[in-house]
PDB file of N, CA and C in Angstrom:
ATOM      1  N   UNK A   1     120.545 101.932  34.359  1.00  0.00           N
ATOM      2  CA  UNK A   1     119.263 102.618  34.475  1.00  0.00           C
ATOM      3  C   UNK A   1     119.239 103.800  33.511  1.00  0.00           C
ATOM      4  N   UNK A   2     118.244 103.844  32.693  1.00  0.00           N
ATOM      5  CA  UNK A   2     118.058 104.972  31.795  1.00  0.00           C
ATOM      6  C   UNK A   2     117.320 106.050  32.569  1.00  0.00           C
ATOM      7  N   UNK A   3     117.938 107.205  32.703  1.00  0.00           N
ATOM      8  CA  UNK A   3     117.429 108.260  33.581  1.00  0.00           C
ATOM      9  C   UNK A   3     115.988 108.657  33.286  1.00  0.00           C
ATOM     10  N   UNK A   4     115.670 108.951  32.055  1.00  0.00           N
ATOM     11  CA  UNK A   4     114.338 109.438  31.741  1.00  0.00           C
ATOM     12  C   UNK A   4     113.469 108.380  31.076  1.00  0.00           C
ATOM     13  N   UNK A   5     113.856 107.133  31.189  1.00  0.00           N
ATOM     14  CA  UNK A   5     113.039 106.039  30.690  1.00  0.00           C
ATOM     15  C   UNK A   5     112.592 106.261  29.266  1.00  0.00           C
ATOM     16  N   UNK A   6     111.315 106.196  29.049  1.00  0.00           N
ATOM     17  CA  UNK A   6     110.754 106.354  27.710  1.00  0.00           C
ATOM     18  C   UNK A   6     110.150 107.736  27.509  1.00  0.00           C
ATOM     19  N   UNK A   7     110.678 108.736  28.195  1.00  0.00           N
ATOM     20  CA  UNK A   7     110.134 110.082  28.074  1.00  0.00           C
ATOM     21  C   UNK A   7     110.226 110.558  26.628  1.00  0.00           C
ATOM     22  N   UNK A   8     109.154 111.096  26.130  1.00  0.00           N
ATOM     23  CA  UNK A   8     109.079 111.612  24.773  1.00  0.00           C
ATOM     24  C   UNK A   8     109.475 113.086  24.797  1.00  0.00           C
ATOM     25  N   UNK A   9     110.707 113.386  24.406  1.00  0.00           N
ATOM     26  CA  UNK A   9     111.210 114.756  24.497  1.00  0.00           C
ATOM     27  C   UNK A   9     110.508 115.719  23.543  1.00  0.00           C
ATOM     28  N   UNK A  10     109.746 115.216  22.592  1.00  0.00           N
ATOM     29  CA  UNK A  10     108.984 116.129  21.729  1.00  0.00           C
ATOM     30  C   UNK A  10     107.880 116.830  22.524  1.00  0.00           C
ATOM     31  N   UNK A  11     107.534 116.304  23.710  1.00  0.00           N
ATOM     32  CA  UNK A  11     106.548 116.970  24.576  1.00  0.00           C
ATOM     33  C   UNK A  11     107.015 118.359  24.999  1.00  0.00           C
ATOM     34  N   UNK A  12     108.311 118.595  24.985  1.00  0.00           N
ATOM     35  CA  UNK A  12     108.834 119.906  25.380  1.00  0.00           C
ATOM     36  C   UNK A  12     108.345 121.012  24.441  1.00  0.00           C
ATOM     37  N   UNK A  13     107.929 120.644  23.245  1.00  0.00           N
ATOM     38  CA  UNK A  13     107.406 121.624  22.287  1.00  0.00           C
ATOM     39  C   UNK A  13     105.905 121.837  22.427  1.00  0.00           C
ATOM     40  N   UNK A  14     105.248 121.055  23.248  1.00  0.00           N
ATOM     41  CA  UNK A  14     103.809 121.155  23.444  1.00  0.00           C
ATOM     42  C   UNK A  14     103.512 122.284  24.439  1.00  0.00           C
ATOM     43  N   UNK A  15     102.706 123.278  24.068  1.00  0.00           N
ATOM     44  CA  UNK A  15     102.431 124.393  24.979  1.00  0.00           C
ATOM     45  C   UNK A  15     101.715 123.971  26.269  1.00  0.00           C
ATOM     46  N   UNK A  16     101.143 122.788  26.288  1.00  0.00           N
ATOM     47  CA  UNK A  16     100.489 122.295  27.513  1.00  0.00           C
ATOM     48  C   UNK A  16     101.493 121.704  28.505  1.00  0.00           C
ATOM     49  N   UNK A  17     102.731 121.495  28.078  1.00  0.00           N
ATOM     50  CA  UNK A  17     103.780 120.961  28.950  1.00  0.00           C
ATOM     51  C   UNK A  17     104.386 122.143  29.705  1.00  0.00           C
ATOM     52  N   UNK A  18     103.906 122.362  30.916  1.00  0.00           N
ATOM     53  CA  UNK A  18     104.259 123.542  31.710  1.00  0.00           C
ATOM     54  C   UNK A  18     105.272 123.195  32.798  1.00  0.00           C
ATOM     55  N   UNK A  19     105.514 124.158  33.674  1.00  0.00           N
ATOM     56  CA  UNK A  19     106.508 123.990  34.742  1.00  0.00           C
ATOM     57  C   UNK A  19     106.216 122.774  35.621  1.00  0.00           C
ATOM     58  N   UNK A  20     104.970 122.547  35.962  1.00  0.00           N
ATOM     59  CA  UNK A  20     104.631 121.386  36.799  1.00  0.00           C
ATOM     60  C   UNK A  20     105.010 120.079  36.118  1.00  0.00           C
ATOM     61  N   UNK A  21     104.828 120.017  34.812  1.00  0.00           N
ATOM     62  CA  UNK A  21     105.217 118.821  34.061  1.00  0.00           C
ATOM     63  C   UNK A  21     106.731 118.650  34.072  1.00  0.00           C
ATOM     64  N   UNK A  22     107.455 119.743  33.935  1.00  0.00           N
ATOM     65  CA  UNK A  22     108.919 119.688  34.000  1.00  0.00           C
ATOM     66  C   UNK A  22     109.346 119.145  35.356  1.00  0.00           C
ATOM     67  N   UNK A  23     108.721 119.631  36.420  1.00  0.00           N
ATOM     68  CA  UNK A  23     109.062 119.163  37.769  1.00  0.00           C
ATOM     69  C   UNK A  23     108.837 117.658  37.915  1.00  0.00           C
ATOM     70  N   UNK A  24     107.658 117.216  37.495  1.00  0.00           N
ATOM     71  CA  UNK A  24     107.285 115.818  37.698  1.00  0.00           C
ATOM     72  C   UNK A  24     108.031 114.863  36.771  1.00  0.00           C
ATOM     73  N   UNK A  25     108.133 115.214  35.500  1.00  0.00           N
ATOM     74  CA  UNK A  25     108.673 114.296  34.502  1.00  0.00           C
ATOM     75  C   UNK A  25     110.190 114.343  34.377  1.00  0.00           C
ATOM     76  N   UNK A  26     110.809 115.496  34.663  1.00  0.00           N
ATOM     77  CA  UNK A  26     112.247 115.636  34.445  1.00  0.00           C
ATOM     78  C   UNK A  26     113.044 115.883  35.720  1.00  0.00           C
ATOM     79  N   UNK A  27     112.613 116.848  36.515  1.00  0.00           N
ATOM     80  CA  UNK A  27     113.413 117.220  37.681  1.00  0.00           C
ATOM     81  C   UNK A  27     113.351 116.168  38.776  1.00  0.00           C
ATOM     82  N   UNK A  28     112.170 115.665  39.103  1.00  0.00           N
ATOM     83  CA  UNK A  28     112.070 114.651  40.166  1.00  0.00           C
ATOM     84  C   UNK A  28     112.920 113.419  39.890  1.00  0.00           C
ATOM     85  N   UNK A  29     112.868 112.835  38.679  1.00  0.00           N
ATOM     86  CA  UNK A  29     113.746 111.694  38.420  1.00  0.00           C
ATOM     87  C   UNK A  29     115.232 112.051  38.497  1.00  0.00           C
ATOM     88  N   UNK A  30     115.584 113.252  38.037  1.00  0.00           N
ATOM     89  CA  UNK A  30     116.983 113.678  38.077  1.00  0.00           C
ATOM     90  C   UNK A  30     117.477 113.816  39.516  1.00  0.00           C
ATOM     91  N   UNK A  31     116.661 114.424  40.366  1.00  0.00           N
ATOM     92  CA  UNK A  31     117.030 114.600  41.770  1.00  0.00           C
ATOM     93  C   UNK A  31     117.264 113.247  42.440  1.00  0.00           C
ATOM     94  N   UNK A  32     116.373 112.306  42.188  1.00  0.00           N
ATOM     95  CA  UNK A  32     116.549 110.969  42.755  1.00  0.00           C
ATOM     96  C   UNK A  32     117.787 110.291  42.188  1.00  0.00           C
ATOM     97  N   UNK A  33     118.015 110.465  40.905  1.00  0.00           N
ATOM     98  CA  UNK A  33     119.150 109.845  40.220  1.00  0.00           C
ATOM     99  C   UNK A  33     120.487 110.298  40.810  1.00  0.00           C
ATOM    100  N   UNK A  34     120.579 111.576  41.157  1.00  0.00           N
ATOM    101  CA  UNK A  34     121.847 112.075  41.706  1.00  0.00           C
ATOM    102  C   UNK A  34     121.947 111.868  43.220  1.00  0.00           C
ATOM    103  N   UNK A  35     120.943 111.218  43.815  1.00  0.00           N
ATOM    104  CA  UNK A  35     121.051 110.773  45.193  1.00  0.00           C
ATOM    105  C   UNK A  35     120.369 111.615  46.248  1.00  0.00           C
ATOM    106  N   UNK A  36     119.581 112.604  45.846  1.00  0.00           N
ATOM    107  CA  UNK A  36     118.873 113.414  46.831  1.00  0.00           C
ATOM    108  C   UNK A  36     117.546 112.748  47.187  1.00  0.00           C
ATOM    109  N   UNK A  37     117.203 112.805  48.479  1.00  0.00           N
ATOM    110  CA  UNK A  37     115.977 112.203  48.989  1.00  0.00           C
ATOM    111  C   UNK A  37     115.268 113.203  49.886  1.00  0.00           C
ATOM    112  N   UNK A  38     114.127 112.818  50.439  1.00  0.00           N
ATOM    113  CA  UNK A  38     113.383 113.695  51.346  1.00  0.00           C
ATOM    114  C   UNK A  38     114.025 113.790  52.715  1.00  0.00           C
ATOM    115  N   UNK A  39     114.885 112.861  53.047  1.00  0.00           N
ATOM    116  CA  UNK A  39     115.574 112.856  54.339  1.00  0.00           C
ATOM    117  C   UNK A  39     116.961 112.266  54.133  1.00  0.00           C
ATOM    118  N   UNK A  40     117.819 112.476  55.099  1.00  0.00           N
ATOM    119  CA  UNK A  40     119.150 111.897  55.017  1.00  0.00           C
ATOM    120  C   UNK A  40     120.229 112.941  54.800  1.00  0.00           C
ATOM    121  N   UNK A  41     121.414 112.473  54.438  1.00  0.00           N
ATOM    122  CA  UNK A  41     122.582 113.338  54.298  1.00  0.00           C
ATOM    123  C   UNK A  41     122.485 114.271  53.087  1.00  0.00           C
ATOM    124  N   UNK A  42     121.861 113.812  52.027  1.00  0.00           N
ATOM    125  CA  UNK A  42     121.621 114.660  50.857  1.00  0.00           C
ATOM    126  C   UNK A  42     120.107 114.773  50.699  1.00  0.00           C
ATOM    127  N   UNK A  43     119.597 115.915  51.089  1.00  0.00           N
ATOM    128  CA  UNK A  43     118.153 116.105  51.225  1.00  0.00           C
ATOM    129  C   UNK A  43     117.650 117.154  50.250  1.00  0.00           C
ATOM    130  N   UNK A  44     116.472 116.913  49.695  1.00  0.00           N
ATOM    131  CA  UNK A  44     115.800 117.902  48.853  1.00  0.00           C
ATOM    132  C   UNK A  44     114.586 118.427  49.621  1.00  0.00           C
ATOM    133  N   UNK A  45     114.453 119.743  49.638  1.00  0.00           N
ATOM    134  CA  UNK A  45     113.323 120.388  50.300  1.00  0.00           C
ATOM    135  C   UNK A  45     112.634 121.246  49.248  1.00  0.00           C
ATOM    136  N   UNK A  46     111.361 121.055  49.098  1.00  0.00           N
ATOM    137  CA  UNK A  46     110.597 121.777  48.068  1.00  0.00           C
ATOM    138  C   UNK A  46     109.872 122.983  48.671  1.00  0.00           C
ATOM    139  N   UNK A  47     109.953 124.101  47.946  1.00  0.00           N
ATOM    140  CA  UNK A  47     109.208 125.320  48.298  1.00  0.00           C
ATOM    141  C   UNK A  47     109.414 125.758  49.746  1.00  0.00           C
ATOM    142  N   UNK A  48     110.660 125.873  50.157  1.00  0.00           N
ATOM    143  CA  UNK A  48     111.018 126.263  51.518  1.00  0.00           C
ATOM    144  C   UNK A  48     111.469 127.720  51.520  1.00  0.00           C
ATOM    145  N   UNK A  49     110.919 128.509  52.404  1.00  0.00           N
ATOM    146  CA  UNK A  49     111.264 129.931  52.476  1.00  0.00           C
ATOM    147  C   UNK A  49     112.660 130.160  53.029  1.00  0.00           C
ATOM    148  N   UNK A  50     113.431 130.977  52.329  1.00  0.00           N
ATOM    149  CA  UNK A  50     114.779 131.345  52.753  1.00  0.00           C
ATOM    150  C   UNK A  50     114.873 132.866  52.872  1.00  0.00           C
ATOM    151  N   UNK A  51     115.587 133.332  53.868  1.00  0.00           N
ATOM    152  CA  UNK A  51     115.819 134.771  54.003  1.00  0.00           C
ATOM    153  C   UNK A  51     116.867 135.173  52.973  1.00  0.00           C
ATOM    154  N   UNK A  52     116.522 136.155  52.135  1.00  0.00           N
ATOM    155  CA  UNK A  52     117.449 136.617  51.108  1.00  0.00           C
ATOM    156  C   UNK A  52     118.613 137.335  51.794  1.00  0.00           C
ATOM    157  N   UNK A  53     119.863 136.925  51.517  1.00  0.00           N
ATOM    158  CA  UNK A  53     120.999 137.486  52.256  1.00  0.00           C
ATOM    159  C   UNK A  53     121.542 138.802  51.728  1.00  0.00           C
ATOM    160  N   UNK A  54     121.093 139.282  50.570  1.00  0.00           N
ATOM    161  CA  UNK A  54     121.782 140.394  49.930  1.00  0.00           C
ATOM    162  C   UNK A  54     120.942 141.640  49.694  1.00  0.00           C
ATOM    163  N   UNK A  55     119.801 141.798  50.345  1.00  0.00           N
ATOM    164  CA  UNK A  55     118.934 142.921  50.018  1.00  0.00           C
ATOM    165  C   UNK A  55     119.084 144.043  51.042  1.00  0.00           C
ATOM    166  N   UNK A  56     119.646 145.138  50.570  1.00  0.00           N
ATOM    167  CA  UNK A  56     119.767 146.350  51.376  1.00  0.00           C
ATOM    168  C   UNK A  56     119.435 147.536  50.486  1.00  0.00           C
ATOM    169  N   UNK A  57     118.800 148.531  51.067  1.00  0.00           N
ATOM    170  CA  UNK A  57     118.551 149.782  50.364  1.00  0.00           C
ATOM    171  C   UNK A  57     119.201 150.861  51.210  1.00  0.00           C
ATOM    172  N   UNK A  58     120.266 151.434  50.657  1.00  0.00           N
ATOM    173  CA  UNK A  58     121.065 152.371  51.447  1.00  0.00           C
ATOM    174  C   UNK A  58     121.662 151.623  52.624  1.00  0.00           C
ATOM    175  N   UNK A  59     121.525 152.186  53.808  1.00  0.00           N
ATOM    176  CA  UNK A  59     122.049 151.541  55.011  1.00  0.00           C
ATOM    177  C   UNK A  59     121.032 150.601  55.651  1.00  0.00           C
ATOM    178  N   UNK A  60     119.820 150.572  55.098  1.00  0.00           N
ATOM    179  CA  UNK A  60     118.761 149.741  55.686  1.00  0.00           C
ATOM    180  C   UNK A  60     118.735 148.363  55.047  1.00  0.00           C
ATOM    181  N   UNK A  61     118.748 147.373  55.886  1.00  0.00           N
ATOM    182  CA  UNK A  61     118.628 145.985  55.427  1.00  0.00           C
ATOM    183  C   UNK A  61     117.141 145.639  55.332  1.00  0.00           C
ATOM    184  N   UNK A  62     116.733 145.033  54.242  1.00  0.00           N
ATOM    185  CA  UNK A  62     115.341 144.661  54.027  1.00  0.00           C
ATOM    186  C   UNK A  62     115.196 143.153  54.190  1.00  0.00           C
ATOM    187  N   UNK A  63     114.217 142.732  54.961  1.00  0.00           N
ATOM    188  CA  UNK A  63     113.943 141.313  55.136  1.00  0.00           C
ATOM    189  C   UNK A  63     113.035 140.836  54.010  1.00  0.00           C
ATOM    190  N   UNK A  64     113.571 139.995  53.165  1.00  0.00           N
ATOM    191  CA  UNK A  64     112.822 139.432  52.048  1.00  0.00           C
ATOM    192  C   UNK A  64     112.996 137.921  52.088  1.00  0.00           C
ATOM    193  N   UNK A  65     111.882 137.226  51.962  1.00  0.00           N
ATOM    194  CA  UNK A  65     111.920 135.770  51.917  1.00  0.00           C
ATOM    195  C   UNK A  65     111.760 135.318  50.477  1.00  0.00           C
ATOM    196  N   UNK A  66     112.650 134.435  50.044  1.00  0.00           N
ATOM    197  CA  UNK A  66     112.547 133.851  48.718  1.00  0.00           C
ATOM    198  C   UNK A  66     112.182 132.383  48.882  1.00  0.00           C
ATOM    199  N   UNK A  67     111.475 131.853  47.916  1.00  0.00           N
ATOM    200  CA  UNK A  67     111.037 130.460  48.008  1.00  0.00           C
ATOM    201  C   UNK A  67     111.459 129.742  46.726  1.00  0.00           C
ATOM    202  N   UNK A  68     112.641 129.114  46.741  1.00  0.00           N
ATOM    203  CA  UNK A  68     113.057 128.369  45.550  1.00  0.00           C
ATOM    204  C   UNK A  68     112.217 127.105  45.397  1.00  0.00           C
ATOM    205  N   UNK A  69     112.117 126.623  44.165  1.00  0.00           N
ATOM    206  CA  UNK A  69     111.374 125.386  43.929  1.00  0.00           C
ATOM    207  C   UNK A  69     112.007 124.222  44.688  1.00  0.00           C
ATOM    208  N   UNK A  70     113.332 124.176  44.687  1.00  0.00           N
ATOM    209  CA  UNK A  70     114.057 123.095  45.355  1.00  0.00           C
ATOM    210  C   UNK A  70     115.263 123.668  46.086  1.00  0.00           C
ATOM    211  N   UNK A  71     115.434 123.257  47.329  1.00  0.00           N
ATOM    212  CA  UNK A  71     116.629 123.564  48.098  1.00  0.00           C
ATOM    213  C   UNK A  71     117.319 122.234  48.359  1.00  0.00           C
ATOM    214  N   UNK A  72     118.567 122.119  47.927  1.00  0.00           N
ATOM    215  CA  UNK A  72     119.330 120.904  48.160  1.00  0.00           C
ATOM    216  C   UNK A  72     120.250 121.119  49.355  1.00  0.00           C
ATOM    217  N   UNK A  73     120.185 120.173  50.275  1.00  0.00           N
ATOM    218  CA  UNK A  73     121.024 120.247  51.463  1.00  0.00           C
ATOM    219  C   UNK A  73     121.992 119.071  51.465  1.00  0.00           C
ATOM    220  N   UNK A  74     123.176 119.317  51.958  1.00  0.00           N
ATOM    221  CA  UNK A  74     124.179 118.268  52.157  1.00  0.00           C
ATOM    222  C   UNK A  74     124.668 118.403  53.587  1.00  0.00           C
ATOM    223  N   UNK A  75     124.591 117.328  54.330  1.00  0.00           N
ATOM    224  CA  UNK A  75     124.995 117.330  55.737  1.00  0.00           C
ATOM    225  C   UNK A  75     124.291 118.439  56.515  1.00  0.00           C
ATOM    226  N   UNK A  76     122.992 118.580  56.291  1.00  0.00           N
ATOM    227  CA  UNK A  76     122.129 119.539  56.998  1.00  0.00           C
ATOM    228  C   UNK A  76     122.397 121.003  56.653  1.00  0.00           C
ATOM    229  N   UNK A  77     123.236 121.283  55.640  1.00  0.00           N
ATOM    230  CA  UNK A  77     123.526 122.661  55.256  1.00  0.00           C
ATOM    231  C   UNK A  77     123.043 122.902  53.833  1.00  0.00           C
ATOM    232  N   UNK A  78     122.469 124.083  53.570  1.00  0.00           N
ATOM    233  CA  UNK A  78     122.065 124.390  52.195  1.00  0.00           C
ATOM    234  C   UNK A  78     123.261 124.293  51.249  1.00  0.00           C
ATOM    235  N   UNK A  79     123.076 123.606  50.128  1.00  0.00           N
ATOM    236  CA  UNK A  79     124.166 123.430  49.169  1.00  0.00           C
ATOM    237  C   UNK A  79     123.892 124.175  47.860  1.00  0.00           C
ATOM    238  N   UNK A  80     122.662 124.050  47.350  1.00  0.00           N
ATOM    239  CA  UNK A  80     122.305 124.741  46.109  1.00  0.00           C
ATOM    240  C   UNK A  80     120.796 124.747  45.946  1.00  0.00           C
ATOM    241  N   UNK A  81     120.325 125.637  45.063  1.00  0.00           N
ATOM    242  CA  UNK A  81     118.897 125.737  44.778  1.00  0.00           C
ATOM    243  C   UNK A  81     118.665 125.442  43.302  1.00  0.00           C
ATOM    244  N   UNK A  82     117.442 125.033  43.015  1.00  0.00           N
ATOM    245  CA  UNK A  82     117.049 124.735  41.643  1.00  0.00           C
ATOM    246  C   UNK A  82     115.683 125.354  41.396  1.00  0.00           C
ATOM    247  N   UNK A  83     115.566 126.103  40.328  1.00  0.00           N
ATOM    248  CA  UNK A  83     114.303 126.702  39.915  1.00  0.00           C
ATOM    249  C   UNK A  83     113.826 125.999  38.658  1.00  0.00           C
ATOM    250  N   UNK A  84     112.585 125.588  38.637  1.00  0.00           N
ATOM    251  CA  UNK A  84     112.001 124.943  37.463  1.00  0.00           C
ATOM    252  C   UNK A  84     111.313 125.990  36.600  1.00  0.00           C
ATOM    253  N   UNK A  85     111.377 125.781  35.309  1.00  0.00           N
ATOM    254  CA  UNK A  85     110.688 126.651  34.351  1.00  0.00           C
ATOM    255  C   UNK A  85     110.071 125.785  33.271  1.00  0.00           C
ATOM    256  N   UNK A  86     109.026 126.287  32.646  1.00  0.00           N
ATOM    257  CA  UNK A  86     108.432 125.563  31.528  1.00  0.00           C
ATOM    258  C   UNK A  86     109.392 125.641  30.340  1.00  0.00           C
ATOM    259  N   UNK A  87     109.308 124.694  29.408  1.00  0.00           N
ATOM    260  CA  UNK A  87     110.214 124.719  28.255  1.00  0.00           C
ATOM    261  C   UNK A  87     110.085 125.973  27.400  1.00  0.00           C
ATOM    262  N   UNK A  88     108.940 126.624  27.438  1.00  0.00           N
ATOM    263  CA  UNK A  88     108.749 127.829  26.627  1.00  0.00           C
ATOM    264  C   UNK A  88     109.328 129.085  27.284  1.00  0.00           C
ATOM    265  N   UNK A  89     109.765 128.973  28.506  1.00  0.00           N
ATOM    266  CA  UNK A  89     110.284 130.120  29.261  1.00  0.00           C
ATOM    267  C   UNK A  89     111.785 130.279  28.997  1.00  0.00           C
ATOM    268  N   UNK A  90     112.230 131.423  28.458  1.00  0.00           N
ATOM    269  CA  UNK A  90     113.667 131.618  28.224  1.00  0.00           C
ATOM    270  C   UNK A  90     114.408 131.737  29.564  1.00  0.00           C
ATOM    271  N   UNK A  91     115.344 130.842  29.807  1.00  0.00           N
ATOM    272  CA  UNK A  91     116.011 130.820  31.119  1.00  0.00           C
ATOM    273  C   UNK A  91     117.122 131.852  31.252  1.00  0.00           C
ATOM    274  N   UNK A  92     117.478 132.523  30.160  1.00  0.00           N
ATOM    275  CA  UNK A  92     118.554 133.506  30.242  1.00  0.00           C
ATOM    276  C   UNK A  92     118.062 134.898  30.643  1.00  0.00           C
ATOM    277  N   UNK A  93     116.806 135.018  31.029  1.00  0.00           N
ATOM    278  CA  UNK A  93     116.309 136.309  31.517  1.00  0.00           C
ATOM    279  C   UNK A  93     116.830 136.552  32.931  1.00  0.00           C
ATOM    280  N   UNK A  94     117.234 137.764  33.213  1.00  0.00           N
ATOM    281  CA  UNK A  94     117.809 138.071  34.525  1.00  0.00           C
ATOM    282  C   UNK A  94     116.826 137.805  35.650  1.00  0.00           C
ATOM    283  N   UNK A  95     115.523 137.972  35.393  1.00  0.00           N
ATOM    284  CA  UNK A  95     114.547 137.738  36.460  1.00  0.00           C
ATOM    285  C   UNK A  95     114.564 136.296  36.936  1.00  0.00           C
ATOM    286  N   UNK A  96     114.906 135.347  36.066  1.00  0.00           N
ATOM    287  CA  UNK A  96     114.972 133.951  36.476  1.00  0.00           C
ATOM    288  C   UNK A  96     116.224 133.678  37.305  1.00  0.00           C
ATOM    289  N   UNK A  97     117.342 134.251  36.900  1.00  0.00           N
ATOM    290  CA  UNK A  97     118.568 134.110  37.680  1.00  0.00           C
ATOM    291  C   UNK A  97     118.400 134.751  39.048  1.00  0.00           C
ATOM    292  N   UNK A  98     117.751 135.905  39.083  1.00  0.00           N
ATOM    293  CA  UNK A  98     117.499 136.576  40.357  1.00  0.00           C
ATOM    294  C   UNK A  98     116.583 135.762  41.241  1.00  0.00           C
ATOM    295  N   UNK A  99     115.619 135.072  40.659  1.00  0.00           N
ATOM    296  CA  UNK A  99     114.722 134.242  41.429  1.00  0.00           C
ATOM    297  C   UNK A  99     115.481 133.107  42.121  1.00  0.00           C
ATOM    298  N   UNK A 100     116.408 132.513  41.398  1.00  0.00           N
ATOM    299  CA  UNK A 100     117.213 131.438  41.991  1.00  0.00           C
ATOM    300  C   UNK A 100     118.214 132.014  42.965  1.00  0.00           C
TER     301      UNK A 100
END
């Protein structure tokens, strides 16, 4: 099975190819390819709110909810998150790492 079929990778240079296109054309097939499904032992959950575990100001803990694009679960436990970005978005910006 060819993972991305006949996907034309030159589309990544098209300014109209945004984050939603990345999700649909690249990330969704990849997630299925590596065995994640909507239910089961390896599950993908889209846009699910998570309580941020590391936010404190001084001695006060702040409740902040983050919503990753994808939460991957293995055996009912969170395993990793995935954030989608458009091809024009530089992924090495700290704000993107912080978002994930």
